Amino acid sequence: TTAVYACVRILAETIASLPLHTYRYSP
């Protein structure tokens, strides 16, 4: 179904395209 495919693709690609970093607590 085009609407389901569009919704899944929007959320999946948005999460995948966000920068994901590992941080260290510092002073």
mmCIF file of all heavy atoms, coordinates in Angstrom:
data_MODEL
# 
_entry.id   MODEL 
# 
loop_
_atom_site.group_PDB 
_atom_site.id 
_atom_site.type_symbol 
_atom_site.label_atom_id 
_atom_site.label_alt_id 
_atom_site.label_comp_id 
_atom_site.label_asym_id 
_atom_site.label_entity_id 
_atom_site.label_seq_id 
_atom_site.pdbx_PDB_ins_code 
_atom_site.Cartn_x 
_atom_site.Cartn_y 
_atom_site.Cartn_z 
_atom_site.occupancy 
_atom_site.B_iso_or_equiv 
_atom_site.pdbx_formal_charge 
_atom_site.auth_seq_id 
_atom_site.auth_comp_id 
_atom_site.auth_asym_id 
_atom_site.auth_atom_id 
_atom_site.pdbx_PDB_model_num 
ATOM 1   N N   . THR A 1 1  ? 0.852  -1.184 0.000  1.00 0.00 ? 1  THR A N   1 
ATOM 2   C CA  . THR A 1 1  ? 0.000  0.000  0.000  1.00 0.00 ? 1  THR A CA  1 
ATOM 3   C C   . THR A 1 1  ? 0.890  1.237  0.000  1.00 0.00 ? 1  THR A C   1 
ATOM 4   O O   . THR A 1 1  ? 1.795  1.354  0.827  1.00 0.00 ? 1  THR A O   1 
ATOM 5   C CB  . THR A 1 1  ? -0.915 -0.001 1.232  1.00 0.00 ? 1  THR A CB  1 
ATOM 6   O OG1 . THR A 1 1  ? -1.655 -1.229 1.273  1.00 0.00 ? 1  THR A OG1 1 
ATOM 7   C CG2 . THR A 1 1  ? -1.874 1.175  1.206  1.00 0.00 ? 1  THR A CG2 1 
ATOM 8   N N   . THR A 1 2  ? 0.628  2.156  -0.906 1.00 0.00 ? 2  THR A N   1 
ATOM 9   C CA  . THR A 1 2  ? 1.534  3.291  -1.085 1.00 0.00 ? 2  THR A CA  1 
ATOM 10  C C   . THR A 1 2  ? 1.656  4.140  0.173  1.00 0.00 ? 2  THR A C   1 
ATOM 11  O O   . THR A 1 2  ? 2.749  4.615  0.498  1.00 0.00 ? 2  THR A O   1 
ATOM 12  C CB  . THR A 1 2  ? 1.049  4.164  -2.252 1.00 0.00 ? 2  THR A CB  1 
ATOM 13  O OG1 . THR A 1 2  ? -0.309 4.563  -2.017 1.00 0.00 ? 2  THR A OG1 1 
ATOM 14  C CG2 . THR A 1 2  ? 1.117  3.406  -3.562 1.00 0.00 ? 2  THR A CG2 1 
ATOM 15  N N   . ALA A 1 3  ? 0.560  4.330  0.901  1.00 0.00 ? 3  ALA A N   1 
ATOM 16  C CA  . ALA A 1 3  ? 0.620  5.158  2.104  1.00 0.00 ? 3  ALA A CA  1 
ATOM 17  C C   . ALA A 1 3  ? 1.481  4.509  3.179  1.00 0.00 ? 3  ALA A C   1 
ATOM 18  O O   . ALA A 1 3  ? 2.268  5.183  3.852  1.00 0.00 ? 3  ALA A O   1 
ATOM 19  C CB  . ALA A 1 3  ? -0.793 5.419  2.628  1.00 0.00 ? 3  ALA A CB  1 
ATOM 20  N N   . VAL A 1 4  ? 1.339  3.204  3.377  1.00 0.00 ? 4  VAL A N   1 
ATOM 21  C CA  . VAL A 1 4  ? 2.154  2.492  4.370  1.00 0.00 ? 4  VAL A CA  1 
ATOM 22  C C   . VAL A 1 4  ? 3.626  2.540  3.972  1.00 0.00 ? 4  VAL A C   1 
ATOM 23  O O   . VAL A 1 4  ? 4.506  2.811  4.797  1.00 0.00 ? 4  VAL A O   1 
ATOM 24  C CB  . VAL A 1 4  ? 1.678  1.036  4.528  1.00 0.00 ? 4  VAL A CB  1 
ATOM 25  C CG1 . VAL A 1 4  ? 2.601  0.263  5.467  1.00 0.00 ? 4  VAL A CG1 1 
ATOM 26  C CG2 . VAL A 1 4  ? 0.248  1.000  5.045  1.00 0.00 ? 4  VAL A CG2 1 
ATOM 27  N N   . TYR A 1 5  ? 3.893  2.280  2.696  1.00 0.00 ? 5  TYR A N   1 
ATOM 28  C CA  . TYR A 1 5  ? 5.282  2.309  2.219  1.00 0.00 ? 5  TYR A CA  1 
ATOM 29  C C   . TYR A 1 5  ? 5.884  3.698  2.406  1.00 0.00 ? 5  TYR A C   1 
ATOM 30  O O   . TYR A 1 5  ? 7.049  3.830  2.832  1.00 0.00 ? 5  TYR A O   1 
ATOM 31  C CB  . TYR A 1 5  ? 5.332  1.902  0.750  1.00 0.00 ? 5  TYR A CB  1 
ATOM 32  C CG  . TYR A 1 5  ? 6.735  1.831  0.183  1.00 0.00 ? 5  TYR A CG  1 
ATOM 33  C CD1 . TYR A 1 5  ? 7.516  0.703  0.366  1.00 0.00 ? 5  TYR A CD1 1 
ATOM 34  C CD2 . TYR A 1 5  ? 7.278  2.897  -0.524 1.00 0.00 ? 5  TYR A CD2 1 
ATOM 35  C CE1 . TYR A 1 5  ? 8.794  0.632  -0.147 1.00 0.00 ? 5  TYR A CE1 1 
ATOM 36  C CE2 . TYR A 1 5  ? 8.558  2.841  -1.039 1.00 0.00 ? 5  TYR A CE2 1 
ATOM 37  C CZ  . TYR A 1 5  ? 9.313  1.703  -0.856 1.00 0.00 ? 5  TYR A CZ  1 
ATOM 38  O OH  . TYR A 1 5  ? 10.583 1.647  -1.363 1.00 0.00 ? 5  TYR A OH  1 
ATOM 39  N N   . ALA A 1 6  ? 5.110  4.751  2.120  1.00 0.00 ? 6  ALA A N   1 
ATOM 40  C CA  . ALA A 1 6  ? 5.616  6.111  2.268  1.00 0.00 ? 6  ALA A CA  1 
ATOM 41  C C   . ALA A 1 6  ? 5.898  6.434  3.732  1.00 0.00 ? 6  ALA A C   1 
ATOM 42  O O   . ALA A 1 6  ? 6.939  7.021  4.059  1.00 0.00 ? 6  ALA A O   1 
ATOM 43  C CB  . ALA A 1 6  ? 4.617  7.109  1.685  1.00 0.00 ? 6  ALA A CB  1 
ATOM 44  N N   . CYS A 1 7  ? 4.997  6.050  4.634  1.00 0.00 ? 7  CYS A N   1 
ATOM 45  C CA  . CYS A 1 7  ? 5.198  6.335  6.058  1.00 0.00 ? 7  CYS A CA  1 
ATOM 46  C C   . CYS A 1 7  ? 6.413  5.590  6.614  1.00 0.00 ? 7  CYS A C   1 
ATOM 47  O O   . CYS A 1 7  ? 7.229  6.165  7.351  1.00 0.00 ? 7  CYS A O   1 
ATOM 48  C CB  . CYS A 1 7  ? 3.947  5.962  6.845  1.00 0.00 ? 7  CYS A CB  1 
ATOM 49  S SG  . CYS A 1 7  ? 2.514  7.018  6.522  1.00 0.00 ? 7  CYS A SG  1 
ATOM 50  N N   . VAL A 1 8  ? 6.544  4.314  6.275  1.00 0.00 ? 8  VAL A N   1 
ATOM 51  C CA  . VAL A 1 8  ? 7.681  3.526  6.749  1.00 0.00 ? 8  VAL A CA  1 
ATOM 52  C C   . VAL A 1 8  ? 8.980  4.091  6.189  1.00 0.00 ? 8  VAL A C   1 
ATOM 53  O O   . VAL A 1 8  ? 9.986  4.215  6.901  1.00 0.00 ? 8  VAL A O   1 
ATOM 54  C CB  . VAL A 1 8  ? 7.509  2.043  6.356  1.00 0.00 ? 8  VAL A CB  1 
ATOM 55  C CG1 . VAL A 1 8  ? 8.777  1.253  6.652  1.00 0.00 ? 8  VAL A CG1 1 
ATOM 56  C CG2 . VAL A 1 8  ? 6.326  1.435  7.100  1.00 0.00 ? 8  VAL A CG2 1 
ATOM 57  N N   . ARG A 1 9  ? 8.962  4.454  4.927  1.00 0.00 ? 9  ARG A N   1 
ATOM 58  C CA  . ARG A 1 9  ? 10.175 4.979  4.306  1.00 0.00 ? 9  ARG A CA  1 
ATOM 59  C C   . ARG A 1 9  ? 10.575 6.317  4.913  1.00 0.00 ? 9  ARG A C   1 
ATOM 60  O O   . ARG A 1 9  ? 11.767 6.558  5.156  1.00 0.00 ? 9  ARG A O   1 
ATOM 61  C CB  . ARG A 1 9  ? 9.943  5.134  2.804  1.00 0.00 ? 9  ARG A CB  1 
ATOM 62  C CG  . ARG A 1 9  ? 11.176 5.597  2.051  1.00 0.00 ? 9  ARG A CG  1 
ATOM 63  C CD  . ARG A 1 9  ? 10.917 5.680  0.560  1.00 0.00 ? 9  ARG A CD  1 
ATOM 64  N NE  . ARG A 1 9  ? 12.089 6.174  -0.155 1.00 0.00 ? 9  ARG A NE  1 
ATOM 65  C CZ  . ARG A 1 9  ? 12.113 6.412  -1.451 1.00 0.00 ? 9  ARG A CZ  1 
ATOM 66  N NH1 . ARG A 1 9  ? 11.034 6.193  -2.188 1.00 0.00 ? 9  ARG A NH1 1 
ATOM 67  N NH2 . ARG A 1 9  ? 13.210 6.862  -2.030 1.00 0.00 ? 9  ARG A NH2 1 
ATOM 68  N N   . ILE A 1 10 ? 9.617  7.193  5.193  1.00 0.00 ? 10 ILE A N   1 
ATOM 69  C CA  . ILE A 1 10 ? 9.928  8.499  5.775  1.00 0.00 ? 10 ILE A CA  1 
ATOM 70  C C   . ILE A 1 10 ? 10.597 8.334  7.136  1.00 0.00 ? 10 ILE A C   1 
ATOM 71  O O   . ILE A 1 10 ? 11.652 8.920  7.414  1.00 0.00 ? 10 ILE A O   1 
ATOM 72  C CB  . ILE A 1 10 ? 8.650  9.347  5.892  1.00 0.00 ? 10 ILE A CB  1 
ATOM 73  C CG1 . ILE A 1 10 ? 8.213  9.839  4.507  1.00 0.00 ? 10 ILE A CG1 1 
ATOM 74  C CG2 . ILE A 1 10 ? 8.871  10.542 6.809  1.00 0.00 ? 10 ILE A CG2 1 
ATOM 75  C CD1 . ILE A 1 10 ? 6.850  10.494 4.509  1.00 0.00 ? 10 ILE A CD1 1 
ATOM 76  N N   . LEU A 1 11 ? 10.003 7.533  8.002  1.00 0.00 ? 11 LEU A N   1 
ATOM 77  C CA  . LEU A 1 11 ? 10.561 7.357  9.344  1.00 0.00 ? 11 LEU A CA  1 
ATOM 78  C C   . LEU A 1 11 ? 11.896 6.623  9.310  1.00 0.00 ? 11 LEU A C   1 
ATOM 79  O O   . LEU A 1 11 ? 12.843 6.988  10.018 1.00 0.00 ? 11 LEU A O   1 
ATOM 80  C CB  . LEU A 1 11 ? 9.569  6.606  10.228 1.00 0.00 ? 11 LEU A CB  1 
ATOM 81  C CG  . LEU A 1 11 ? 8.369  7.418  10.724 1.00 0.00 ? 11 LEU A CG  1 
ATOM 82  C CD1 . LEU A 1 11 ? 7.368  6.525  11.420 1.00 0.00 ? 11 LEU A CD1 1 
ATOM 83  C CD2 . LEU A 1 11 ? 8.835  8.529  11.662 1.00 0.00 ? 11 LEU A CD2 1 
ATOM 84  N N   . ALA A 1 12 ? 11.994 5.564  8.502  1.00 0.00 ? 12 ALA A N   1 
ATOM 85  C CA  . ALA A 1 12 ? 13.234 4.777  8.446  1.00 0.00 ? 12 ALA A CA  1 
ATOM 86  C C   . ALA A 1 12 ? 14.379 5.609  7.885  1.00 0.00 ? 12 ALA A C   1 
ATOM 87  O O   . ALA A 1 12 ? 15.497 5.604  8.436  1.00 0.00 ? 12 ALA A O   1 
ATOM 88  C CB  . ALA A 1 12 ? 13.018 3.522  7.596  1.00 0.00 ? 12 ALA A CB  1 
ATOM 89  N N   . GLU A 1 13 ? 14.142 6.345  6.814  1.00 0.00 ? 13 GLU A N   1 
ATOM 90  C CA  . GLU A 1 13 ? 15.214 7.137  6.215  1.00 0.00 ? 13 GLU A CA  1 
ATOM 91  C C   . GLU A 1 13 ? 15.584 8.327  7.089  1.00 0.00 ? 13 GLU A C   1 
ATOM 92  O O   . GLU A 1 13 ? 16.748 8.735  7.117  1.00 0.00 ? 13 GLU A O   1 
ATOM 93  C CB  . GLU A 1 13 ? 14.795 7.604  4.824  1.00 0.00 ? 13 GLU A CB  1 
ATOM 94  C CG  . GLU A 1 13 ? 14.711 6.471  3.808  1.00 0.00 ? 13 GLU A CG  1 
ATOM 95  C CD  . GLU A 1 13 ? 14.318 6.960  2.431  1.00 0.00 ? 13 GLU A CD  1 
ATOM 96  O OE1 . GLU A 1 13 ? 13.901 8.137  2.313  1.00 0.00 ? 13 GLU A OE1 1 
ATOM 97  O OE2 . GLU A 1 13 ? 14.417 6.177  1.463  1.00 0.00 ? 13 GLU A OE2 1 
ATOM 98  N N   . THR A 1 14 ? 14.623 8.896  7.801  1.00 0.00 ? 14 THR A N   1 
ATOM 99  C CA  . THR A 1 14 ? 14.931 10.023 8.681  1.00 0.00 ? 14 THR A CA  1 
ATOM 100 C C   . THR A 1 14 ? 15.805 9.584  9.842  1.00 0.00 ? 14 THR A C   1 
ATOM 101 O O   . THR A 1 14 ? 16.807 10.238 10.165 1.00 0.00 ? 14 THR A O   1 
ATOM 102 C CB  . THR A 1 14 ? 13.634 10.661 9.203  1.00 0.00 ? 14 THR A CB  1 
ATOM 103 O OG1 . THR A 1 14 ? 12.814 11.059 8.097  1.00 0.00 ? 14 THR A OG1 1 
ATOM 104 C CG2 . THR A 1 14 ? 13.946 11.885 10.037 1.00 0.00 ? 14 THR A CG2 1 
ATOM 105 N N   . ILE A 1 15 ? 15.440 8.476  10.485 1.00 0.00 ? 15 ILE A N   1 
ATOM 106 C CA  . ILE A 1 15 ? 16.271 7.956  11.585 1.00 0.00 ? 15 ILE A CA  1 
ATOM 107 C C   . ILE A 1 15 ? 17.660 7.585  11.074 1.00 0.00 ? 15 ILE A C   1 
ATOM 108 O O   . ILE A 1 15 ? 18.677 7.835  11.737 1.00 0.00 ? 15 ILE A O   1 
ATOM 109 C CB  . ILE A 1 15 ? 15.586 6.736  12.233 1.00 0.00 ? 15 ILE A CB  1 
ATOM 110 C CG1 . ILE A 1 15 ? 14.349 7.166  13.022 1.00 0.00 ? 15 ILE A CG1 1 
ATOM 111 C CG2 . ILE A 1 15 ? 16.560 5.985  13.146 1.00 0.00 ? 15 ILE A CG2 1 
ATOM 112 C CD1 . ILE A 1 15 ? 14.656 7.975  14.263 1.00 0.00 ? 15 ILE A CD1 1 
ATOM 113 N N   . ALA A 1 16 ? 17.730 6.990  9.882  1.00 0.00 ? 16 ALA A N   1 
ATOM 114 C CA  . ALA A 1 16 ? 19.023 6.564  9.342  1.00 0.00 ? 16 ALA A CA  1 
ATOM 115 C C   . ALA A 1 16 ? 19.902 7.741  8.948  1.00 0.00 ? 16 ALA A C   1 
ATOM 116 O O   . ALA A 1 16 ? 21.133 7.633  8.984  1.00 0.00 ? 16 ALA A O   1 
ATOM 117 C CB  . ALA A 1 16 ? 18.802 5.652  8.133  1.00 0.00 ? 16 ALA A CB  1 
ATOM 118 N N   . SER A 1 17 ? 19.305 8.861  8.574  1.00 0.00 ? 17 SER A N   1 
ATOM 119 C CA  . SER A 1 17 ? 20.094 10.001 8.106  1.00 0.00 ? 17 SER A CA  1 
ATOM 120 C C   . SER A 1 17 ? 20.538 10.928 9.224  1.00 0.00 ? 17 SER A C   1 
ATOM 121 O O   . SER A 1 17 ? 21.383 11.808 8.997  1.00 0.00 ? 17 SER A O   1 
ATOM 122 C CB  . SER A 1 17 ? 19.284 10.808 7.083  1.00 0.00 ? 17 SER A CB  1 
ATOM 123 O OG  . SER A 1 17 ? 18.090 11.311 7.662  1.00 0.00 ? 17 SER A OG  1 
ATOM 124 N N   . LEU A 1 18 ? 19.992 10.773 10.429 1.00 0.00 ? 18 LEU A N   1 
ATOM 125 C CA  . LEU A 1 18 ? 20.400 11.635 11.537 1.00 0.00 ? 18 LEU A CA  1 
ATOM 126 C C   . LEU A 1 18 ? 21.819 11.299 11.984 1.00 0.00 ? 18 LEU A C   1 
ATOM 127 O O   . LEU A 1 18 ? 22.174 10.122 12.088 1.00 0.00 ? 18 LEU A O   1 
ATOM 128 C CB  . LEU A 1 18 ? 19.444 11.474 12.724 1.00 0.00 ? 18 LEU A CB  1 
ATOM 129 C CG  . LEU A 1 18 ? 18.025 12.014 12.560 1.00 0.00 ? 18 LEU A CG  1 
ATOM 130 C CD1 . LEU A 1 18 ? 17.202 11.688 13.797 1.00 0.00 ? 18 LEU A CD1 1 
ATOM 131 C CD2 . LEU A 1 18 ? 18.050 13.516 12.331 1.00 0.00 ? 18 LEU A CD2 1 
ATOM 132 N N   . PRO A 1 19 ? 22.642 12.300 12.266 1.00 0.00 ? 19 PRO A N   1 
ATOM 133 C CA  . PRO A 1 19 ? 23.985 12.016 12.819 1.00 0.00 ? 19 PRO A CA  1 
ATOM 134 C C   . PRO A 1 19 ? 23.869 11.333 14.181 1.00 0.00 ? 19 PRO A C   1 
ATOM 135 O O   . PRO A 1 19 ? 23.097 11.763 15.038 1.00 0.00 ? 19 PRO A O   1 
ATOM 136 C CB  . PRO A 1 19 ? 24.613 13.410 12.941 1.00 0.00 ? 19 PRO A CB  1 
ATOM 137 C CG  . PRO A 1 19 ? 23.832 14.282 12.010 1.00 0.00 ? 19 PRO A CG  1 
ATOM 138 C CD  . PRO A 1 19 ? 22.433 13.732 12.012 1.00 0.00 ? 19 PRO A CD  1 
ATOM 139 N N   . LEU A 1 20 ? 24.617 10.261 14.371 1.00 0.00 ? 20 LEU A N   1 
ATOM 140 C CA  . LEU A 1 20 ? 24.613 9.502  15.617 1.00 0.00 ? 20 LEU A CA  1 
ATOM 141 C C   . LEU A 1 20 ? 26.029 9.465  16.163 1.00 0.00 ? 20 LEU A C   1 
ATOM 142 O O   . LEU A 1 20 ? 26.935 8.930  15.519 1.00 0.00 ? 20 LEU A O   1 
ATOM 143 C CB  . LEU A 1 20 ? 24.083 8.083  15.376 1.00 0.00 ? 20 LEU A CB  1 
ATOM 144 C CG  . LEU A 1 20 ? 24.052 7.140  16.579 1.00 0.00 ? 20 LEU A CG  1 
ATOM 145 C CD1 . LEU A 1 20 ? 23.197 7.710  17.700 1.00 0.00 ? 20 LEU A CD1 1 
ATOM 146 C CD2 . LEU A 1 20 ? 23.538 5.760  16.165 1.00 0.00 ? 20 LEU A CD2 1 
ATOM 147 N N   . HIS A 1 21 ? 26.230 10.041 17.346 1.00 0.00 ? 21 HIS A N   1 
ATOM 148 C CA  . HIS A 1 21 ? 27.567 10.151 17.923 1.00 0.00 ? 21 HIS A CA  1 
ATOM 149 C C   . HIS A 1 21 ? 27.590 9.561  19.327 1.00 0.00 ? 21 HIS A C   1 
ATOM 150 O O   . HIS A 1 21 ? 26.568 9.514  20.026 1.00 0.00 ? 21 HIS A O   1 
ATOM 151 C CB  . HIS A 1 21 ? 28.016 11.620 17.998 1.00 0.00 ? 21 HIS A CB  1 
ATOM 152 C CG  . HIS A 1 21 ? 28.051 12.310 16.670 1.00 0.00 ? 21 HIS A CG  1 
ATOM 153 N ND1 . HIS A 1 21 ? 28.975 12.008 15.697 1.00 0.00 ? 21 HIS A ND1 1 
ATOM 154 C CD2 . HIS A 1 21 ? 27.274 13.290 16.155 1.00 0.00 ? 21 HIS A CD2 1 
ATOM 155 C CE1 . HIS A 1 21 ? 28.771 12.774 14.639 1.00 0.00 ? 21 HIS A CE1 1 
ATOM 156 N NE2 . HIS A 1 21 ? 27.740 13.557 14.892 1.00 0.00 ? 21 HIS A NE2 1 
ATOM 157 N N   . THR A 1 22 ? 28.762 9.112  19.723 1.00 0.00 ? 22 THR A N   1 
ATOM 158 C CA  . THR A 1 22 ? 29.024 8.675  21.090 1.00 0.00 ? 22 THR A CA  1 
ATOM 159 C C   . THR A 1 22 ? 29.778 9.775  21.808 1.00 0.00 ? 22 THR A C   1 
ATOM 160 O O   . THR A 1 22 ? 30.814 10.245 21.321 1.00 0.00 ? 22 THR A O   1 
ATOM 161 C CB  . THR A 1 22 ? 29.840 7.371  21.104 1.00 0.00 ? 22 THR A CB  1 
ATOM 162 O OG1 . THR A 1 22 ? 29.152 6.364  20.344 1.00 0.00 ? 22 THR A OG1 1 
ATOM 163 C CG2 . THR A 1 22 ? 30.035 6.875  22.529 1.00 0.00 ? 22 THR A CG2 1 
ATOM 164 N N   . TYR A 1 23 ? 29.266 10.197 22.955 1.00 0.00 ? 23 TYR A N   1 
ATOM 165 C CA  . TYR A 1 23 ? 29.843 11.323 23.686 1.00 0.00 ? 23 TYR A CA  1 
ATOM 166 C C   . TYR A 1 23 ? 30.411 10.856 25.018 1.00 0.00 ? 23 TYR A C   1 
ATOM 167 O O   . TYR A 1 23 ? 29.991 9.840  25.576 1.00 0.00 ? 23 TYR A O   1 
ATOM 168 C CB  . TYR A 1 23 ? 28.793 12.411 23.943 1.00 0.00 ? 23 TYR A CB  1 
ATOM 169 C CG  . TYR A 1 23 ? 28.328 13.120 22.691 1.00 0.00 ? 23 TYR A CG  1 
ATOM 170 C CD1 . TYR A 1 23 ? 27.177 12.696 22.017 1.00 0.00 ? 23 TYR A CD1 1 
ATOM 171 C CD2 . TYR A 1 23 ? 29.021 14.209 22.185 1.00 0.00 ? 23 TYR A CD2 1 
ATOM 172 C CE1 . TYR A 1 23 ? 26.747 13.345 20.873 1.00 0.00 ? 23 TYR A CE1 1 
ATOM 173 C CE2 . TYR A 1 23 ? 28.588 14.867 21.042 1.00 0.00 ? 23 TYR A CE2 1 
ATOM 174 C CZ  . TYR A 1 23 ? 27.457 14.434 20.395 1.00 0.00 ? 23 TYR A CZ  1 
ATOM 175 O OH  . TYR A 1 23 ? 27.034 15.077 19.264 1.00 0.00 ? 23 TYR A OH  1 
ATOM 176 N N   . ARG A 1 24 ? 31.353 11.645 25.506 1.00 0.00 ? 24 ARG A N   1 
ATOM 177 C CA  . ARG A 1 24 ? 31.948 11.434 26.819 1.00 0.00 ? 24 ARG A CA  1 
ATOM 178 C C   . ARG A 1 24 ? 31.622 12.640 27.694 1.00 0.00 ? 24 ARG A C   1 
ATOM 179 O O   . ARG A 1 24 ? 31.726 13.791 27.255 1.00 0.00 ? 24 ARG A O   1 
ATOM 180 C CB  . ARG A 1 24 ? 33.461 11.273 26.695 1.00 0.00 ? 24 ARG A CB  1 
ATOM 181 C CG  . ARG A 1 24 ? 34.169 11.067 28.032 1.00 0.00 ? 24 ARG A CG  1 
ATOM 182 C CD  . ARG A 1 24 ? 35.683 11.121 27.877 1.00 0.00 ? 24 ARG A CD  1 
ATOM 183 N NE  . ARG A 1 24 ? 36.196 10.037 27.034 1.00 0.00 ? 24 ARG A NE  1 
ATOM 184 C CZ  . ARG A 1 24 ? 36.668 10.211 25.805 1.00 0.00 ? 24 ARG A CZ  1 
ATOM 185 N NH1 . ARG A 1 24 ? 36.681 11.426 25.255 1.00 0.00 ? 24 ARG A NH1 1 
ATOM 186 N NH2 . ARG A 1 24 ? 37.120 9.192  25.100 1.00 0.00 ? 24 ARG A NH2 1 
ATOM 187 N N   . TYR A 1 25 ? 31.198 12.363 28.942 1.00 0.00 ? 25 TYR A N   1 
ATOM 188 C CA  . TYR A 1 25 ? 30.971 13.464 29.869 1.00 0.00 ? 25 TYR A CA  1 
ATOM 189 C C   . TYR A 1 25 ? 32.302 14.140 30.189 1.00 0.00 ? 25 TYR A C   1 
ATOM 190 O O   . TYR A 1 25 ? 33.305 13.476 30.463 1.00 0.00 ? 25 TYR A O   1 
ATOM 191 C CB  . TYR A 1 25 ? 30.323 12.961 31.163 1.00 0.00 ? 25 TYR A CB  1 
ATOM 192 C CG  . TYR A 1 25 ? 28.926 12.438 30.990 1.00 0.00 ? 25 TYR A CG  1 
ATOM 193 C CD1 . TYR A 1 25 ? 28.654 11.071 31.048 1.00 0.00 ? 25 TYR A CD1 1 
ATOM 194 C CD2 . TYR A 1 25 ? 27.863 13.308 30.774 1.00 0.00 ? 25 TYR A CD2 1 
ATOM 195 C CE1 . TYR A 1 25 ? 27.360 10.590 30.889 1.00 0.00 ? 25 TYR A CE1 1 
ATOM 196 C CE2 . TYR A 1 25 ? 26.563 12.829 30.617 1.00 0.00 ? 25 TYR A CE2 1 
ATOM 197 C CZ  . TYR A 1 25 ? 26.321 11.479 30.682 1.00 0.00 ? 25 TYR A CZ  1 
ATOM 198 O OH  . TYR A 1 25 ? 25.051 10.998 30.511 1.00 0.00 ? 25 TYR A OH  1 
ATOM 199 N N   . SER A 1 26 ? 32.305 15.475 30.162 1.00 0.00 ? 26 SER A N   1 
ATOM 200 C CA  . SER A 1 26 ? 33.521 16.239 30.445 1.00 0.00 ? 26 SER A CA  1 
ATOM 201 C C   . SER A 1 26 ? 33.180 17.354 31.420 1.00 0.00 ? 26 SER A C   1 
ATOM 202 O O   . SER A 1 26 ? 32.002 17.691 31.609 1.00 0.00 ? 26 SER A O   1 
ATOM 203 C CB  . SER A 1 26 ? 34.087 16.819 29.138 1.00 0.00 ? 26 SER A CB  1 
ATOM 204 O OG  . SER A 1 26 ? 33.187 17.744 28.560 1.00 0.00 ? 26 SER A OG  1 
ATOM 205 N N   . PRO A 1 27 ? 34.197 17.959 32.047 1.00 0.00 ? 27 PRO A N   1 
ATOM 206 C CA  . PRO A 1 27 ? 33.911 19.064 32.986 1.00 0.00 ? 27 PRO A CA  1 
ATOM 207 C C   . PRO A 1 27 ? 33.144 20.211 32.337 1.00 0.00 ? 27 PRO A C   1 
ATOM 208 O O   . PRO A 1 27 ? 32.346 20.879 32.986 1.00 0.00 ? 27 PRO A O   1 
ATOM 209 C CB  . PRO A 1 27 ? 35.309 19.502 33.425 1.00 0.00 ? 27 PRO A CB  1 
ATOM 210 C CG  . PRO A 1 27 ? 36.161 18.295 33.242 1.00 0.00 ? 27 PRO A CG  1 
ATOM 211 C CD  . PRO A 1 27 ? 35.614 17.592 32.040 1.00 0.00 ? 27 PRO A CD  1 
# 
